[in-house]
Structures are given as C-alpha cells and as structure tokens.
Protein backbone atom coordinates (compact mmCIF):
# COMPACT_ATOMS: atom_id res chain seq x y z
CA UNK A 1 1.72 17.51 -31.02
CA UNK A 2 -0.37 17.10 -27.71
CA UNK A 3 -3.05 15.22 -29.61
CA UNK A 4 -0.81 13.16 -31.67
CA UNK A 5 0.96 12.06 -28.15
CA UNK A 6 -2.53 11.01 -27.24
CA UNK A 7 -3.47 9.13 -30.26
CA UNK A 8 -0.35 6.99 -29.52
CA UNK A 9 -1.54 6.31 -26.03
CA UNK A 10 -4.94 5.26 -27.26
CA UNK A 11 -3.50 3.17 -29.98
CA UNK A 12 -1.47 1.59 -27.37
CA UNK A 13 -3.49 0.80 -24.92
CA UNK A 14 -6.15 -1.06 -27.69
CA UNK A 15 -3.37 -2.83 -28.65
CA UNK A 16 -2.55 -3.84 -25.30
CA UNK A 17 -5.95 -4.96 -24.57
CA UNK A 18 -6.21 -6.94 -28.18
CA UNK A 19 -3.05 -8.92 -27.71
CA UNK A 20 -3.77 -9.52 -23.87
CA UNK A 21 -7.08 -11.34 -24.98
CA UNK A 22 -4.82 -13.57 -27.40
CA UNK A 23 -2.54 -14.81 -24.43
CA UNK A 24 -3.05 -18.73 -23.50
CA UNK A 25 -2.63 -18.45 -20.16
CA UNK A 26 -2.00 -22.09 -19.76
CA UNK A 27 0.98 -21.76 -22.37
CA UNK A 28 2.06 -18.17 -22.17
CA UNK A 29 5.75 -18.80 -23.93
CA UNK A 30 4.54 -21.15 -26.23
CA UNK A 31 3.37 -20.38 -30.01
CA UNK A 32 1.00 -17.27 -30.92
CA UNK A 33 1.22 -16.76 -26.77
CA UNK A 34 4.59 -15.40 -27.23
CA UNK A 35 3.78 -12.98 -29.96
CA UNK A 36 0.88 -11.64 -28.04
CA UNK A 37 3.27 -11.18 -24.82
CA UNK A 38 5.75 -9.00 -26.96
CA UNK A 39 2.37 -6.91 -28.14
CA UNK A 40 1.62 -6.09 -24.91
CA UNK A 41 4.95 -5.39 -23.74
CA UNK A 42 5.78 -3.14 -26.90
CA UNK A 43 2.70 -1.10 -26.32
CA UNK A 44 3.77 -0.52 -22.91
CA UNK A 45 7.07 0.57 -24.27
CA UNK A 46 5.02 3.00 -26.29
CA UNK A 47 2.94 4.69 -23.51
CA UNK A 48 6.24 5.14 -21.61
CA UNK A 49 8.20 6.98 -24.41
CA UNK A 50 5.00 8.72 -25.14
CA UNK A 51 4.83 9.89 -21.50
CA UNK A 52 8.51 10.79 -21.27
CA UNK A 53 8.13 12.78 -24.68
CA UNK A 54 5.11 14.41 -22.89
CA UNK A 55 6.85 15.53 -20.12
CA UNK A 56 10.33 16.48 -22.19
CA UNK A 57 7.80 19.08 -24.23
CA UNK A 58 6.33 20.58 -20.92
CA UNK A 59 10.02 20.75 -19.53
CA UNK A 60 11.06 22.55 -22.71
CA UNK A 61 7.93 25.10 -22.61
CA UNK A 62 9.01 25.91 -19.13
CA UNK A 63 12.45 26.47 -19.83
CA UNK A 64 11.61 28.77 -22.86
CA UNK A 65 9.41 30.91 -20.19
CA UNK A 66 12.36 31.95 -18.34
C-alpha cells in the first residue's frame, strides 16, 4: 500500500503541474481555465487524502504493536 500511495501522489502532482500550465491568468474563471483550476484543486485533494490514508495506516500499525 505504501508504493500505491506514493504513485497516486506522484500522478496527482503531475496533474497539478499540467493543469496549472493550462490556466489563463488574465481570465482564470472563464472557459478552459475553470476546468484547469478544478483539476488543480482536485489534485491537491487527492494528495491530502493520500496523506491522511498514510497517517491512518501508520496509526493502525502502531496500535497493533501494543
């Protein structure tokens, strides 16, 4: 599971970078820029969820040791 979460985080970072290049900063909330901003936000959400998942797994492993 550790490798899986790192792969998801890497894919999310790649999508954030890709979508960030598609944002038109003169009109960020019009046309395709809106879709790109949604992609950036969803990428950050995916990373955040994977970090929560990793923390919960480490807590689970520590609680099994006791």
